[in-house]
Amino acid sequence: MRYFAAAADAARCAKETIALPAAATLGDLAATLIQRHGPDMTRVLKVAAFLVEDELTRDRTQPIAPRVDILPPFAGG
């Protein structure tokens, strides 16, 4: 996991390793992150997208991959 902007603030780190079953989805990952990091992460995940390998998605039914980034909306251009 890599976190950016508000996601890094909510996680209180820029990256971490999370072990989940091979069949886990982004929804499972999100639930784990909320349990681990609390209400701040809940707020971030409501508006964030996931970068799964090189694919940007908000589909929580998508399977996870070895590399997942959390990308909250960024200001500016």
Protein backbone atom coordinates (compact mmCIF):
# COMPACT_ATOMS: atom_id res chain seq x y z
CA MET A 1 0.00 0.00 0.00
CA ARG A 2 1.13 3.49 -0.81
CA TYR A 3 -0.80 6.47 0.48
CA PHE A 4 -0.85 9.98 -0.95
CA ALA A 5 -2.00 13.36 0.41
CA ALA A 6 -4.94 12.98 2.85
CA ALA A 7 -4.66 9.19 2.72
CA ALA A 8 -1.10 9.41 4.09
CA ASP A 9 -2.32 11.74 6.82
CA ALA A 10 -5.12 9.33 7.76
CA ALA A 11 -2.77 6.32 7.78
CA ARG A 12 -0.02 8.30 9.51
CA CYS A 13 2.46 6.79 7.06
CA ALA A 14 3.29 6.90 3.36
CA LYS A 15 3.29 3.14 2.83
CA GLU A 16 2.70 -0.14 4.62
CA THR A 17 2.30 -3.84 3.90
CA ILE A 18 -1.08 -5.45 4.49
CA ALA A 19 -1.64 -9.21 4.17
CA LEU A 20 -5.01 -10.28 2.79
CA PRO A 21 -6.26 -13.55 1.27
CA ALA A 22 -5.57 -14.04 -2.44
CA ALA A 23 -9.28 -13.68 -3.28
CA ALA A 24 -9.63 -10.33 -1.46
CA THR A 25 -11.25 -7.38 -3.20
CA LEU A 26 -10.71 -3.65 -2.88
CA GLY A 27 -13.78 -3.62 -0.63
CA ASP A 28 -12.04 -6.07 1.72
CA LEU A 29 -8.95 -3.89 1.64
CA ALA A 30 -10.98 -0.77 2.39
CA ALA A 31 -12.64 -2.48 5.37
CA THR A 32 -9.23 -3.51 6.69
CA LEU A 33 -7.87 0.02 6.30
CA ILE A 34 -10.86 1.49 8.14
CA GLN A 35 -10.39 -0.98 11.00
CA ARG A 36 -6.69 -0.20 11.14
CA HIS A 37 -6.81 3.59 10.76
CA GLY A 38 -10.28 4.66 11.92
CA PRO A 39 -12.66 7.48 11.01
CA ASP A 40 -10.11 9.61 9.16
CA MET A 41 -9.54 6.77 6.70
CA THR A 42 -13.31 6.32 6.32
CA ARG A 43 -13.60 9.94 5.17
CA VAL A 44 -10.70 9.57 2.73
CA LEU A 45 -11.97 6.34 1.20
CA LYS A 46 -15.39 7.87 0.50
CA VAL A 47 -13.78 10.07 -2.17
CA ALA A 48 -10.55 8.25 -3.03
CA ALA A 49 -9.71 6.11 -6.03
CA PHE A 50 -7.48 3.04 -6.03
CA LEU A 51 -4.55 2.58 -8.37
CA VAL A 52 -4.30 -1.20 -8.77
CA GLU A 53 -1.00 -1.89 -10.51
CA ASP A 54 -1.50 0.64 -13.35
CA GLU A 55 -5.32 0.79 -13.44
CA LEU A 56 -7.28 3.57 -11.75
CA THR A 57 -10.59 2.38 -10.30
CA ARG A 58 -13.28 3.02 -7.72
CA ASP A 59 -14.80 -0.46 -8.19
CA ARG A 60 -14.63 -2.10 -4.78
CA THR A 61 -15.45 -5.52 -6.24
CA GLN A 62 -12.16 -5.59 -8.16
CA PRO A 63 -9.57 -8.07 -6.88
CA ILE A 64 -6.52 -6.63 -5.17
CA ALA A 65 -3.01 -6.86 -6.62
CA PRO A 66 0.47 -6.79 -5.10
CA ARG A 67 0.62 -3.00 -5.57
CA VAL A 68 -2.32 -0.81 -4.57
CA ASP A 69 -2.17 2.95 -4.06
CA ILE A 70 -4.83 5.12 -2.43
CA LEU A 71 -5.34 8.36 -4.35
CA PRO A 72 -7.59 10.98 -2.77
CA PRO A 73 -8.66 13.90 -4.97
CA PHE A 74 -5.78 16.29 -5.53
CA ALA A 75 -6.14 20.06 -5.70
CA GLY A 76 -4.51 21.99 -8.49
CA GLY A 77 -3.43 20.79 -11.90
